[in-house]
Amino acid sequence: MKETVVSGIRSTGKLHLGNYYGALSNFVKMQDEYNCFFFIADLHSLTTHPTPGDLSRTVREVVVEYLAAGINPETSTIYVQSDVPEVAELYLYLNMNAYLGELERATAFKDKVRSNPDNVNAGLLTYPVLMASDILLHHGTKVPVGKDQEQHLEMTRTFANRFNRLYNVEYFQEAMAFSYSNKLVKIPGLDGNGKMGKSNGDASCVYLSDAPEVIRKKVMRAVSDSGPTEMNQPKPEAIQNLFDLMKVVSTADTLSHFEDLYNNCAIRYGDFKKQLAEDMILATEPVRSRINDITNDDEYLKKVVRLGAEKASESARKTIQEVREIIGIKRLF
């Protein structure tokens, strides 16, 4: 029997290189070997209060980009999170056994509090519980996530094991992080610090749908410095980020060439950025072309979403029925 993979991406806007190399590329590789559930996390995105129009638009964009990246809706289950209400019910049950102290200690929650102190809502605090519900609803055992989600996945295992102990059952299995590479991928942004993310602004992200001229402009404007002054000196974070991006999209020979130039104080950032931009354009071209083809095919998109909701709901209903029985929630008459 195939192991089950569950993962999703928040519907907060167009997908970028970080989404692709951190998640989507793994999704595509996994779908022929595992029982895969890939969802669009529109409920998770509500923590940032999107407008109704923005929410529906971004959900559609992510569905398109899932398909453009190569996820096959016949092989995998692609669904919108809110189309499967059982996830909200499991979220309620797991919240009863999630403790305030452990939720407040989550690194991602503390980061959100620091960066946006005026929007510290309960959804942010219990984000790991909803993530656990997404995974456990389909009994996922492998989760292709980025490095920043490792702690949340550890919490998923905590909630699963706590449920099993509380009700003296062996029901939920432990879900583990999974990647086809040797380590989890973290794609840096173009703004000089941190990972690539929409919260850091469009200039920091290279989107899968970005036209070549847009990619060139963004990369040429990426944060850099005046260049090394000593042989083999350590790279500042902003420069290391650019080299890390080149490591992902360029050939080993190209990376080695510019590493040598840097170490010998001979690098010209203009040439370096031009090469990086062209390699990004080449890397994203297959997905970009399919995005353009799929975007206007409403009938196909409608079919994909309906099929995914049916498949995901079948799995979810079975889990909720069993969880209710384990907890003792039954109709009296």
C-alpha atoms as a PDB file:
ATOM      1  CA  MET A   1       0.000   0.000   0.000  1.00  0.00           C
ATOM      2  CA  LYS A   2       1.339   3.441  -0.937  1.00  0.00           C
ATOM      3  CA  GLU A   3       2.252   5.890   1.813  1.00  0.00           C
ATOM      4  CA  THR A   4       0.221   9.097   1.894  1.00  0.00           C
ATOM      5  CA  VAL A   5       1.713  12.508   1.172  1.00  0.00           C
ATOM      6  CA  VAL A   6      -0.116  15.677   2.277  1.00  0.00           C
ATOM      7  CA  SER A   7       1.012  19.249   1.710  1.00  0.00           C
ATOM      8  CA  GLY A   8      -0.437  22.606   0.791  1.00  0.00           C
ATOM      9  CA  ILE A   9       0.425  26.189  -0.079  1.00  0.00           C
ATOM     10  CA  ARG A  10      -1.378  29.246   1.284  1.00  0.00           C
ATOM     11  CA  SER A  11      -3.456  31.183  -1.218  1.00  0.00           C
ATOM     12  CA  THR A  12      -1.866  34.546  -0.552  1.00  0.00           C
ATOM     13  CA  GLY A  13      -0.773  35.352  -4.093  1.00  0.00           C
ATOM     14  CA  LYS A  14       1.249  34.041  -6.997  1.00  0.00           C
ATOM     15  CA  LEU A  15       3.758  31.266  -6.333  1.00  0.00           C
ATOM     16  CA  HIS A  16       7.478  32.001  -6.459  1.00  0.00           C
ATOM     17  CA  LEU A  17      10.779  30.153  -6.733  1.00  0.00           C
ATOM     18  CA  GLY A  18      10.699  29.363  -3.019  1.00  0.00           C
ATOM     19  CA  ASN A  19       7.343  27.600  -3.426  1.00  0.00           C
ATOM     20  CA  TYR A  20       8.583  25.758  -6.492  1.00  0.00           C
ATOM     21  CA  TYR A  21      11.877  24.418  -5.178  1.00  0.00           C
ATOM     22  CA  GLY A  22      10.687  24.100  -1.592  1.00  0.00           C
ATOM     23  CA  ALA A  23       7.471  22.245  -2.406  1.00  0.00           C
ATOM     24  CA  LEU A  24       6.098  22.022  -5.958  1.00  0.00           C
ATOM     25  CA  SER A  25       9.078  20.248  -7.519  1.00  0.00           C
ATOM     26  CA  ASN A  26       8.805  17.601  -4.813  1.00  0.00           C
ATOM     27  CA  PHE A  27       5.051  17.320  -5.363  1.00  0.00           C
ATOM     28  CA  VAL A  28       5.610  16.441  -9.003  1.00  0.00           C
ATOM     29  CA  LYS A  29       8.230  13.797  -8.207  1.00  0.00           C
ATOM     30  CA  MET A  30       6.099  12.215  -5.509  1.00  0.00           C
ATOM     31  CA  GLN A  31       2.818  11.778  -7.322  1.00  0.00           C
ATOM     32  CA  ASP A  32       3.652   8.529  -9.132  1.00  0.00           C
ATOM     33  CA  GLU A  33       5.085   6.852  -6.027  1.00  0.00           C
ATOM     34  CA  TYR A  34       2.716   7.962  -3.281  1.00  0.00           C
ATOM     35  CA  ASN A  35      -0.955   8.605  -2.546  1.00  0.00           C
ATOM     36  CA  CYS A  36      -0.827  12.409  -2.774  1.00  0.00           C
ATOM     37  CA  PHE A  37      -3.133  15.119  -1.406  1.00  0.00           C
ATOM     38  CA  PHE A  38      -2.099  18.632  -2.457  1.00  0.00           C
ATOM     39  CA  PHE A  39      -4.363  21.434  -1.285  1.00  0.00           C
ATOM     40  CA  ILE A  40      -4.720  25.194  -1.604  1.00  0.00           C
ATOM     41  CA  ALA A  41      -4.704  26.518   1.970  1.00  0.00           C
ATOM     42  CA  ASP A  42      -7.336  29.240   1.772  1.00  0.00           C
ATOM     43  CA  LEU A  43      -8.353  28.802   5.432  1.00  0.00           C
ATOM     44  CA  HIS A  44      -4.753  29.361   6.546  1.00  0.00           C
ATOM     45  CA  SER A  45      -4.633  32.568   4.498  1.00  0.00           C
ATOM     46  CA  LEU A  46      -7.495  34.090   6.520  1.00  0.00           C
ATOM     47  CA  THR A  47      -5.042  35.013   9.289  1.00  0.00           C
ATOM     48  CA  THR A  48      -4.007  37.993   7.154  1.00  0.00           C
ATOM     49  CA  HIS A  49      -7.610  39.027   6.350  1.00  0.00           C
ATOM     50  CA  PRO A  50      -7.638  39.045   2.536  1.00  0.00           C
ATOM     51  CA  THR A  51     -10.562  40.722   0.784  1.00  0.00           C
ATOM     52  CA  PRO A  52     -13.147  38.319  -0.690  1.00  0.00           C
ATOM     53  CA  GLY A  53     -12.086  39.253  -4.209  1.00  0.00           C
ATOM     54  CA  ASP A  54      -8.400  38.723  -3.508  1.00  0.00           C
ATOM     55  CA  LEU A  55      -9.053  35.384  -1.801  1.00  0.00           C
ATOM     56  CA  SER A  56     -10.995  33.874  -4.720  1.00  0.00           C
ATOM     57  CA  ARG A  57      -8.457  35.206  -7.231  1.00  0.00           C
ATOM     58  CA  THR A  58      -5.430  33.832  -5.415  1.00  0.00           C
ATOM     59  CA  VAL A  59      -7.041  30.412  -4.881  1.00  0.00           C
ATOM     60  CA  ARG A  60      -7.553  30.206  -8.634  1.00  0.00           C
ATOM     61  CA  GLU A  61      -3.962  31.285  -9.291  1.00  0.00           C
ATOM     62  CA  VAL A  62      -2.556  28.542  -7.071  1.00  0.00           C
ATOM     63  CA  VAL A  63      -4.714  25.878  -8.754  1.00  0.00           C
ATOM     64  CA  VAL A  64      -3.400  27.040 -12.137  1.00  0.00           C
ATOM     65  CA  GLU A  65       0.199  27.006 -10.933  1.00  0.00           C
ATOM     66  CA  TYR A  66      -0.141  23.545  -9.339  1.00  0.00           C
ATOM     67  CA  LEU A  67      -1.238  22.241 -12.726  1.00  0.00           C
ATOM     68  CA  ALA A  68       1.383  24.227 -14.619  1.00  0.00           C
ATOM     69  CA  ALA A  69       4.135  22.835 -12.397  1.00  0.00           C
ATOM     70  CA  GLY A  70       3.160  19.337 -13.492  1.00  0.00           C
ATOM     71  CA  ILE A  71       0.798  18.000 -10.821  1.00  0.00           C
ATOM     72  CA  ASN A  72      -1.592  15.562 -12.487  1.00  0.00           C
ATOM     73  CA  PRO A  73      -5.161  15.826 -11.073  1.00  0.00           C
ATOM     74  CA  GLU A  74      -5.915  12.271 -12.196  1.00  0.00           C
ATOM     75  CA  THR A  75      -2.959  10.870 -10.230  1.00  0.00           C
ATOM     76  CA  SER A  76      -2.914  13.284  -7.274  1.00  0.00           C
ATOM     77  CA  THR A  77      -5.753  14.874  -5.342  1.00  0.00           C
ATOM     78  CA  ILE A  78      -5.716  18.660  -5.852  1.00  0.00           C
ATOM     79  CA  TYR A  79      -8.326  20.397  -3.703  1.00  0.00           C
ATOM     80  CA  VAL A  80      -9.246  23.667  -2.059  1.00  0.00           C
ATOM     81  CA  GLN A  81      -8.980  23.409   1.726  1.00  0.00           C
ATOM     82  CA  SER A  82     -12.364  25.033   2.400  1.00  0.00           C
ATOM     83  CA  ASP A  83     -14.107  22.549   0.077  1.00  0.00           C
ATOM     84  CA  VAL A  84     -13.462  19.898   2.741  1.00  0.00           C
ATOM     85  CA  PRO A  85     -15.180  21.160   5.940  1.00  0.00           C
ATOM     86  CA  GLU A  86     -14.019  18.111   7.897  1.00  0.00           C
ATOM     87  CA  VAL A  87     -10.630  19.793   8.319  1.00  0.00           C
ATOM     88  CA  ALA A  88     -12.284  22.476  10.456  1.00  0.00           C
ATOM     89  CA  GLU A  89     -13.936  19.828  12.625  1.00  0.00           C
ATOM     90  CA  LEU A  90     -10.673  17.962  13.218  1.00  0.00           C
ATOM     91  CA  TYR A  91      -9.029  21.337  13.936  1.00  0.00           C
ATOM     92  CA  LEU A  92     -11.594  21.841  16.719  1.00  0.00           C
ATOM     93  CA  TYR A  93     -10.904  18.438  18.263  1.00  0.00           C
ATOM     94  CA  LEU A  94      -7.116  18.840  18.161  1.00  0.00           C
ATOM     95  CA  ASN A  95      -7.352  22.360  19.606  1.00  0.00           C
ATOM     96  CA  MET A  96      -8.826  20.821  22.763  1.00  0.00           C
ATOM     97  CA  ASN A  97      -5.495  19.053  23.316  1.00  0.00           C
ATOM     98  CA  ALA A  98      -3.102  21.796  22.194  1.00  0.00           C
ATOM     99  CA  TYR A  99      -1.660  23.847  25.011  1.00  0.00           C
ATOM    100  CA  LEU A 100      -1.140  27.597  25.140  1.00  0.00           C
ATOM    101  CA  GLY A 101       2.496  27.391  26.204  1.00  0.00           C
ATOM    102  CA  GLU A 102       3.600  25.160  23.335  1.00  0.00           C
ATOM    103  CA  LEU A 103       1.721  27.260  20.782  1.00  0.00           C
ATOM    104  CA  GLU A 104       3.236  30.503  22.077  1.00  0.00           C
ATOM    105  CA  ARG A 105       6.743  28.999  21.888  1.00  0.00           C
ATOM    106  CA  ALA A 106       6.429  28.256  18.149  1.00  0.00           C
ATOM    107  CA  THR A 107       9.126  30.204  16.323  1.00  0.00           C
ATOM    108  CA  ALA A 108       6.835  31.160  13.434  1.00  0.00           C
ATOM    109  CA  PHE A 109       4.246  32.576  15.851  1.00  0.00           C
ATOM    110  CA  LYS A 110       6.855  34.644  17.703  1.00  0.00           C
ATOM    111  CA  ASP A 111       8.143  35.975  14.382  1.00  0.00           C
ATOM    112  CA  LYS A 112       4.625  37.006  13.358  1.00  0.00           C
ATOM    113  CA  VAL A 113       4.062  38.768  16.685  1.00  0.00           C
ATOM    114  CA  ARG A 114       7.265  40.768  16.243  1.00  0.00           C
ATOM    115  CA  SER A 115       6.626  41.664  12.617  1.00  0.00           C
ATOM    116  CA  ASN A 116       2.914  42.476  12.923  1.00  0.00           C
ATOM    117  CA  PRO A 117       1.973  43.165  16.557  1.00  0.00           C
ATOM    118  CA  ASP A 118      -1.394  44.667  15.593  1.00  0.00           C
ATOM    119  CA  ASN A 119      -2.663  41.392  14.130  1.00  0.00           C
ATOM    120  CA  VAL A 120      -1.934  38.714  16.737  1.00  0.00           C
ATOM    121  CA  ASN A 121      -5.084  36.672  16.170  1.00  0.00           C
ATOM    122  CA  ALA A 122      -6.074  33.229  17.431  1.00  0.00           C
ATOM    123  CA  GLY A 123      -5.650  31.805  13.946  1.00  0.00           C
ATOM    124  CA  LEU A 124      -1.947  32.672  14.011  1.00  0.00           C
ATOM    125  CA  LEU A 125      -1.563  31.107  17.446  1.00  0.00           C
ATOM    126  CA  THR A 126      -3.277  27.851  16.427  1.00  0.00           C
ATOM    127  CA  TYR A 127      -1.809  27.746  12.904  1.00  0.00           C
ATOM    128  CA  PRO A 128       0.167  24.570  13.767  1.00  0.00           C
ATOM    129  CA  VAL A 129      -3.054  22.861  14.852  1.00  0.00           C
ATOM    130  CA  LEU A 130      -4.767  23.580  11.544  1.00  0.00           C
ATOM    131  CA  MET A 131      -1.661  22.350   9.726  1.00  0.00           C
ATOM    132  CA  ALA A 132      -1.762  19.166  11.798  1.00  0.00           C
ATOM    133  CA  SER A 133      -5.442  18.736  10.913  1.00  0.00           C
ATOM    134  CA  ASP A 134      -4.652  19.017   7.197  1.00  0.00           C
ATOM    135  CA  ILE A 135      -2.098  16.226   7.489  1.00  0.00           C
ATOM    136  CA  LEU A 136      -3.833  13.902   9.935  1.00  0.00           C
ATOM    137  CA  LEU A 137      -7.192  14.154   8.152  1.00  0.00           C
ATOM    138  CA  HIS A 138      -5.734  11.977   5.369  1.00  0.00           C
ATOM    139  CA  HIS A 139      -3.280  10.066   7.600  1.00  0.00           C
ATOM    140  CA  GLY A 140      -0.306  11.623   5.863  1.00  0.00           C
ATOM    141  CA  THR A 141       3.077  10.148   6.759  1.00  0.00           C
ATOM    142  CA  LYS A 142       5.282  12.173   4.410  1.00  0.00           C
ATOM    143  CA  VAL A 143       5.107  15.952   4.169  1.00  0.00           C
ATOM    144  CA  PRO A 144       7.224  17.881   1.639  1.00  0.00           C
ATOM    145  CA  VAL A 145       7.774  21.142   3.498  1.00  0.00           C
ATOM    146  CA  GLY A 146      10.374  23.880   3.603  1.00  0.00           C
ATOM    147  CA  LYS A 147      12.870  24.150   6.434  1.00  0.00           C
ATOM    148  CA  ASP A 148      10.819  26.859   8.143  1.00  0.00           C
ATOM    149  CA  GLN A 149       7.956  24.387   8.662  1.00  0.00           C
ATOM    150  CA  GLU A 150       9.973  21.671  10.414  1.00  0.00           C
ATOM    151  CA  GLN A 151       8.879  22.832  13.872  1.00  0.00           C
ATOM    152  CA  HIS A 152       5.214  22.821  12.858  1.00  0.00           C
ATOM    153  CA  LEU A 153       5.606  19.269  11.606  1.00  0.00           C
ATOM    154  CA  GLU A 154       7.162  18.271  14.918  1.00  0.00           C
ATOM    155  CA  MET A 155       4.085  19.739  16.610  1.00  0.00           C
ATOM    156  CA  THR A 156       1.882  17.657  14.287  1.00  0.00           C
ATOM    157  CA  ARG A 157       3.596  14.548  15.645  1.00  0.00           C
ATOM    158  CA  THR A 158       3.058  15.830  19.181  1.00  0.00           C
ATOM    159  CA  PHE A 159      -0.684  16.345  18.612  1.00  0.00           C
ATOM    160  CA  ALA A 160      -1.055  12.934  16.938  1.00  0.00           C
ATOM    161  CA  ASN A 161       0.732  11.086  19.733  1.00  0.00           C
ATOM    162  CA  ARG A 162      -1.153  13.026  22.407  1.00  0.00           C
ATOM    163  CA  PHE A 163      -4.476  12.059  20.798  1.00  0.00           C
ATOM    164  CA  ASN A 164      -3.405   8.418  20.711  1.00  0.00           C
ATOM    165  CA  ARG A 165      -2.355   8.461  24.384  1.00  0.00           C
ATOM    166  CA  LEU A 166      -5.446  10.337  25.558  1.00  0.00           C
ATOM    167  CA  TYR A 167      -7.831   7.838  23.972  1.00  0.00           C
ATOM    168  CA  ASN A 168      -5.576   4.777  24.331  1.00  0.00           C
ATOM    169  CA  VAL A 169      -5.530   4.032  20.612  1.00  0.00           C
ATOM    170  CA  GLU A 170      -2.956   3.673  17.856  1.00  0.00           C
ATOM    171  CA  TYR A 171      -4.856   5.731  15.337  1.00  0.00           C
ATOM    172  CA  PHE A 172      -2.733   8.589  13.983  1.00  0.00           C
ATOM    173  CA  GLN A 173       0.720   7.873  12.572  1.00  0.00           C
ATOM    174  CA  GLU A 174       3.718  10.181  12.783  1.00  0.00           C
ATOM    175  CA  ALA A 175       4.256  12.446   9.776  1.00  0.00           C
ATOM    176  CA  MET A 176       7.820  13.116   8.703  1.00  0.00           C
ATOM    177  CA  ALA A 177       9.369  15.824   6.528  1.00  0.00           C
ATOM    178  CA  PHE A 178      10.336  14.580   3.104  1.00  0.00           C
ATOM    179  CA  SER A 179      12.430  15.884   0.237  1.00  0.00           C
ATOM    180  CA  TYR A 180      14.062  14.248  -2.746  1.00  0.00           C
ATOM    181  CA  SER A 181      17.175  16.300  -2.032  1.00  0.00           C
ATOM    182  CA  ASN A 182      19.515  15.512   0.849  1.00  0.00           C
ATOM    183  CA  LYS A 183      18.226  18.421   2.915  1.00  0.00           C
ATOM    184  CA  LEU A 184      15.219  20.698   3.025  1.00  0.00           C
ATOM    185  CA  VAL A 185      15.467  23.616   0.622  1.00  0.00           C
ATOM    186  CA  LYS A 186      15.400  27.253   1.708  1.00  0.00           C
ATOM    187  CA  ILE A 187      15.235  29.750  -1.161  1.00  0.00           C
ATOM    188  CA  PRO A 188      16.459  33.239  -0.195  1.00  0.00           C
ATOM    189  CA  GLY A 189      14.829  36.450  -1.362  1.00  0.00           C
ATOM    190  CA  LEU A 190      16.340  39.239  -3.426  1.00  0.00           C
ATOM    191  CA  ASP A 191      16.079  41.815  -0.652  1.00  0.00           C
ATOM    192  CA  GLY A 192      19.267  40.769   1.112  1.00  0.00           C
ATOM    193  CA  ASN A 193      17.907  38.876   4.108  1.00  0.00           C
ATOM    194  CA  GLY A 194      15.684  35.951   4.906  1.00  0.00           C
ATOM    195  CA  LYS A 195      13.827  33.524   2.703  1.00  0.00           C
ATOM    196  CA  MET A 196      11.871  34.393  -0.418  1.00  0.00           C
ATOM    197  CA  GLY A 197       8.347  35.253   0.629  1.00  0.00           C
ATOM    198  CA  LYS A 198       5.410  37.377  -0.494  1.00  0.00           C
ATOM    199  CA  SER A 199       5.330  39.145   2.874  1.00  0.00           C
ATOM    200  CA  ASN A 200       8.665  40.763   1.993  1.00  0.00           C
ATOM    201  CA  GLY A 201       7.220  42.409  -1.119  1.00  0.00           C
ATOM    202  CA  ASP A 202       7.165  41.663  -4.825  1.00  0.00           C
ATOM    203  CA  ALA A 203      10.710  42.922  -5.345  1.00  0.00           C
ATOM    204  CA  SER A 204      12.019  40.125  -3.124  1.00  0.00           C
ATOM    205  CA  CYS A 205      10.251  37.376  -5.091  1.00  0.00           C
ATOM    206  CA  VAL A 206      10.711  35.847  -8.504  1.00  0.00           C
ATOM    207  CA  TYR A 207       7.256  34.542  -9.380  1.00  0.00           C
ATOM    208  CA  LEU A 208       6.739  31.528 -11.627  1.00  0.00           C
ATOM    209  CA  SER A 209       4.520  33.679 -13.843  1.00  0.00           C
ATOM    210  CA  ASP A 210       6.960  36.615 -14.103  1.00  0.00           C
ATOM    211  CA  ALA A 211       7.841  37.576 -17.679  1.00  0.00           C
ATOM    212  CA  PRO A 212      11.553  37.433 -18.600  1.00  0.00           C
ATOM    213  CA  GLU A 213      11.929  41.216 -18.606  1.00  0.00           C
ATOM    214  CA  VAL A 214      10.418  41.389 -15.100  1.00  0.00           C
ATOM    215  CA  ILE A 215      12.844  38.771 -13.806  1.00  0.00           C
ATOM    216  CA  ARG A 216      15.793  40.657 -15.285  1.00  0.00           C
ATOM    217  CA  LYS A 217      14.737  43.908 -13.606  1.00  0.00           C
ATOM    218  CA  LYS A 218      14.202  42.266 -10.221  1.00  0.00           C
ATOM    219  CA  VAL A 219      17.529  40.443 -10.231  1.00  0.00           C
ATOM    220  CA  MET A 220      19.502  43.475 -11.390  1.00  0.00           C
ATOM    221  CA  ARG A 221      17.995  45.453  -8.499  1.00  0.00           C
ATOM    222  CA  ALA A 222      18.795  42.761  -5.926  1.00  0.00           C
ATOM    223  CA  VAL A 223      20.769  43.892  -2.887  1.00  0.00           C
ATOM    224  CA  SER A 224      24.545  43.578  -3.295  1.00  0.00           C
ATOM    225  CA  ASP A 225      27.635  45.453  -2.107  1.00  0.00           C
ATOM    226  CA  SER A 226      30.812  47.043  -3.479  1.00  0.00           C
ATOM    227  CA  GLY A 227      32.564  43.681  -3.791  1.00  0.00           C
ATOM    228  CA  PRO A 228      35.172  41.702  -1.818  1.00  0.00           C
ATOM    229  CA  THR A 229      38.352  43.405  -0.654  1.00  0.00           C
ATOM    230  CA  GLU A 230      40.277  40.306   0.462  1.00  0.00           C
ATOM    231  CA  MET A 231      40.908  36.919  -1.127  1.00  0.00           C
ATOM    232  CA  ASN A 232      38.458  34.199   0.003  1.00  0.00           C
ATOM    233  CA  GLN A 233      36.671  36.491   2.426  1.00  0.00           C
ATOM    234  CA  PRO A 234      33.301  35.346   3.832  1.00  0.00           C
ATOM    235  CA  LYS A 235      30.288  36.586   1.890  1.00  0.00           C
ATOM    236  CA  PRO A 236      27.815  38.994   3.538  1.00  0.00           C
ATOM    237  CA  GLU A 237      24.290  37.581   3.845  1.00  0.00           C
ATOM    238  CA  ALA A 238      22.931  39.476   0.826  1.00  0.00           C
ATOM    239  CA  ILE A 239      25.720  38.165  -1.420  1.00  0.00           C
ATOM    240  CA  GLN A 240      25.491  34.633  -0.054  1.00  0.00           C
ATOM    241  CA  ASN A 241      21.760  34.713  -0.831  1.00  0.00           C
ATOM    242  CA  LEU A 242      22.489  35.457  -4.495  1.00  0.00           C
ATOM    243  CA  PHE A 243      25.007  32.631  -4.667  1.00  0.00           C
ATOM    244  CA  ASP A 244      22.487  30.306  -2.995  1.00  0.00           C
ATOM    245  CA  LEU A 245      19.968  31.210  -5.703  1.00  0.00           C
ATOM    246  CA  MET A 246      22.562  30.484  -8.386  1.00  0.00           C
ATOM    247  CA  LYS A 247      23.232  27.128  -6.744  1.00  0.00           C
ATOM    248  CA  VAL A 248      19.580  26.220  -7.365  1.00  0.00           C
ATOM    249  CA  VAL A 249      18.970  27.506 -10.911  1.00  0.00           C
ATOM    250  CA  SER A 250      22.406  27.410 -12.568  1.00  0.00           C
ATOM    251  CA  THR A 251      24.841  24.676 -13.578  1.00  0.00           C
ATOM    252  CA  ALA A 252      27.657  23.628 -11.242  1.00  0.00           C
ATOM    253  CA  ASP A 253      30.190  25.043 -13.707  1.00  0.00           C
ATOM    254  CA  THR A 254      28.502  28.453 -13.715  1.00  0.00           C
ATOM    255  CA  LEU A 255      28.415  28.559  -9.925  1.00  0.00           C
ATOM    256  CA  SER A 256      32.072  27.498  -9.699  1.00  0.00           C
ATOM    257  CA  HIS A 257      33.078  30.189 -12.195  1.00  0.00           C
ATOM    258  CA  PHE A 258      31.542  33.013 -10.166  1.00  0.00           C
ATOM    259  CA  GLU A 259      32.764  31.549  -6.860  1.00  0.00           C
ATOM    260  CA  ASP A 260      36.307  31.714  -8.224  1.00  0.00           C
ATOM    261  CA  LEU A 261      35.809  35.299  -9.371  1.00  0.00           C
ATOM    262  CA  TYR A 262      34.509  36.291  -5.945  1.00  0.00           C
ATOM    263  CA  ASN A 263      37.311  34.526  -4.068  1.00  0.00           C
ATOM    264  CA  ASN A 264      39.887  36.284  -6.260  1.00  0.00           C
ATOM    265  CA  CYS A 265      38.270  39.736  -5.841  1.00  0.00           C
ATOM    266  CA  ALA A 266      37.531  39.817  -9.577  1.00  0.00           C
ATOM    267  CA  ILE A 267      33.747  39.506  -9.576  1.00  0.00           C
ATOM    268  CA  ARG A 268      31.575  42.033 -11.400  1.00  0.00           C
ATOM    269  CA  TYR A 269      28.093  41.922  -9.918  1.00  0.00           C
ATOM    270  CA  GLY A 270      26.504  43.197 -13.120  1.00  0.00           C
ATOM    271  CA  ASP A 271      27.756  40.152 -15.030  1.00  0.00           C
ATOM    272  CA  PHE A 272      26.887  37.859 -12.140  1.00  0.00           C
ATOM    273  CA  LYS A 273      23.312  39.157 -11.918  1.00  0.00           C
ATOM    274  CA  LYS A 274      22.807  38.982 -15.687  1.00  0.00           C
ATOM    275  CA  GLN A 275      23.796  35.316 -15.654  1.00  0.00           C
ATOM    276  CA  LEU A 276      21.599  34.611 -12.629  1.00  0.00           C
ATOM    277  CA  ALA A 277      18.601  36.281 -14.285  1.00  0.00           C
ATOM    278  CA  GLU A 278      18.996  34.314 -17.530  1.00  0.00           C
ATOM    279  CA  ASP A 279      19.291  31.048 -15.612  1.00  0.00           C
ATOM    280  CA  MET A 280      16.135  31.898 -13.637  1.00  0.00           C
ATOM    281  CA  ILE A 281      14.286  32.645 -16.888  1.00  0.00           C
ATOM    282  CA  LEU A 282      15.387  29.309 -18.314  1.00  0.00           C
ATOM    283  CA  ALA A 283      14.437  27.428 -15.148  1.00  0.00           C
ATOM    284  CA  THR A 284      10.922  28.926 -15.000  1.00  0.00           C
ATOM    285  CA  GLU A 285      10.115  28.856 -18.730  1.00  0.00           C
ATOM    286  CA  PRO A 286       8.309  25.462 -18.832  1.00  0.00           C
ATOM    287  CA  VAL A 287       6.028  26.418 -15.934  1.00  0.00           C
ATOM    288  CA  ARG A 288       5.464  29.967 -17.210  1.00  0.00           C
ATOM    289  CA  SER A 289       4.329  28.674 -20.609  1.00  0.00           C
ATOM    290  CA  ARG A 290       1.827  26.272 -19.072  1.00  0.00           C
ATOM    291  CA  ILE A 291       0.463  28.975 -16.752  1.00  0.00           C
ATOM    292  CA  ASN A 292      -0.410  31.042 -19.814  1.00  0.00           C
ATOM    293  CA  ASP A 293      -2.106  28.052 -21.462  1.00  0.00           C
ATOM    294  CA  ILE A 294      -4.171  26.973 -18.441  1.00  0.00           C
ATOM    295  CA  THR A 295      -5.217  30.361 -17.013  1.00  0.00           C
ATOM    296  CA  ASN A 296      -8.163  30.938 -19.349  1.00  0.00           C
ATOM    297  CA  ASP A 297      -9.487  27.353 -19.420  1.00  0.00           C
ATOM    298  CA  ASP A 298     -12.336  27.756 -16.914  1.00  0.00           C
ATOM    299  CA  GLU A 299     -13.992  24.431 -17.735  1.00  0.00           C
ATOM    300  CA  TYR A 300     -10.821  22.474 -17.106  1.00  0.00           C
ATOM    301  CA  LEU A 301     -10.161  24.289 -13.822  1.00  0.00           C
ATOM    302  CA  LYS A 302     -13.737  23.677 -12.671  1.00  0.00           C
ATOM    303  CA  LYS A 303     -13.390  19.978 -13.445  1.00  0.00           C
ATOM    304  CA  VAL A 304     -10.089  19.718 -11.548  1.00  0.00           C
ATOM    305  CA  VAL A 305     -11.443  21.435  -8.415  1.00  0.00           C
ATOM    306  CA  ARG A 306     -14.648  19.350  -8.348  1.00  0.00           C
ATOM    307  CA  LEU A 307     -12.746  16.095  -8.805  1.00  0.00           C
ATOM    308  CA  GLY A 308     -10.315  17.036  -6.047  1.00  0.00           C
ATOM    309  CA  ALA A 309     -13.075  17.963  -3.607  1.00  0.00           C
ATOM    310  CA  GLU A 310     -14.789  14.615  -4.178  1.00  0.00           C
ATOM    311  CA  LYS A 311     -11.614  12.600  -3.628  1.00  0.00           C
ATOM    312  CA  ALA A 312     -10.496  14.584  -0.573  1.00  0.00           C
ATOM    313  CA  SER A 313     -13.971  14.508   0.999  1.00  0.00           C
ATOM    314  CA  GLU A 314     -14.163  10.726   0.758  1.00  0.00           C
ATOM    315  CA  SER A 315     -10.954  10.389   2.760  1.00  0.00           C
ATOM    316  CA  ALA A 316     -11.918  13.138   5.213  1.00  0.00           C
ATOM    317  CA  ARG A 317     -15.392  11.773   6.011  1.00  0.00           C
ATOM    318  CA  LYS A 318     -13.937   8.393   6.945  1.00  0.00           C
ATOM    319  CA  THR A 319     -11.417   9.968   9.319  1.00  0.00           C
ATOM    320  CA  ILE A 320     -13.961  12.214  11.037  1.00  0.00           C
ATOM    321  CA  GLN A 321     -16.377   9.330  11.526  1.00  0.00           C
ATOM    322  CA  GLU A 322     -13.620   7.272  13.158  1.00  0.00           C
ATOM    323  CA  VAL A 323     -12.372  10.191  15.293  1.00  0.00           C
ATOM    324  CA  ARG A 324     -15.894  10.869  16.571  1.00  0.00           C
ATOM    325  CA  GLU A 325     -16.247   7.231  17.586  1.00  0.00           C
ATOM    326  CA  ILE A 326     -12.870   7.268  19.372  1.00  0.00           C
ATOM    327  CA  ILE A 327     -13.749  10.477  21.261  1.00  0.00           C
ATOM    328  CA  GLY A 328     -17.234   9.243  22.092  1.00  0.00           C
ATOM    329  CA  ILE A 329     -19.251  11.715  20.046  1.00  0.00           C
ATOM    330  CA  LYS A 330     -22.282   9.686  18.990  1.00  0.00           C
ATOM    331  CA  ARG A 331     -25.915  10.238  18.203  1.00  0.00           C
ATOM    332  CA  LEU A 332     -27.921   9.134  21.248  1.00  0.00           C
ATOM    333  CA  PHE A 333     -31.036   8.191  19.284  1.00  0.00           C
END
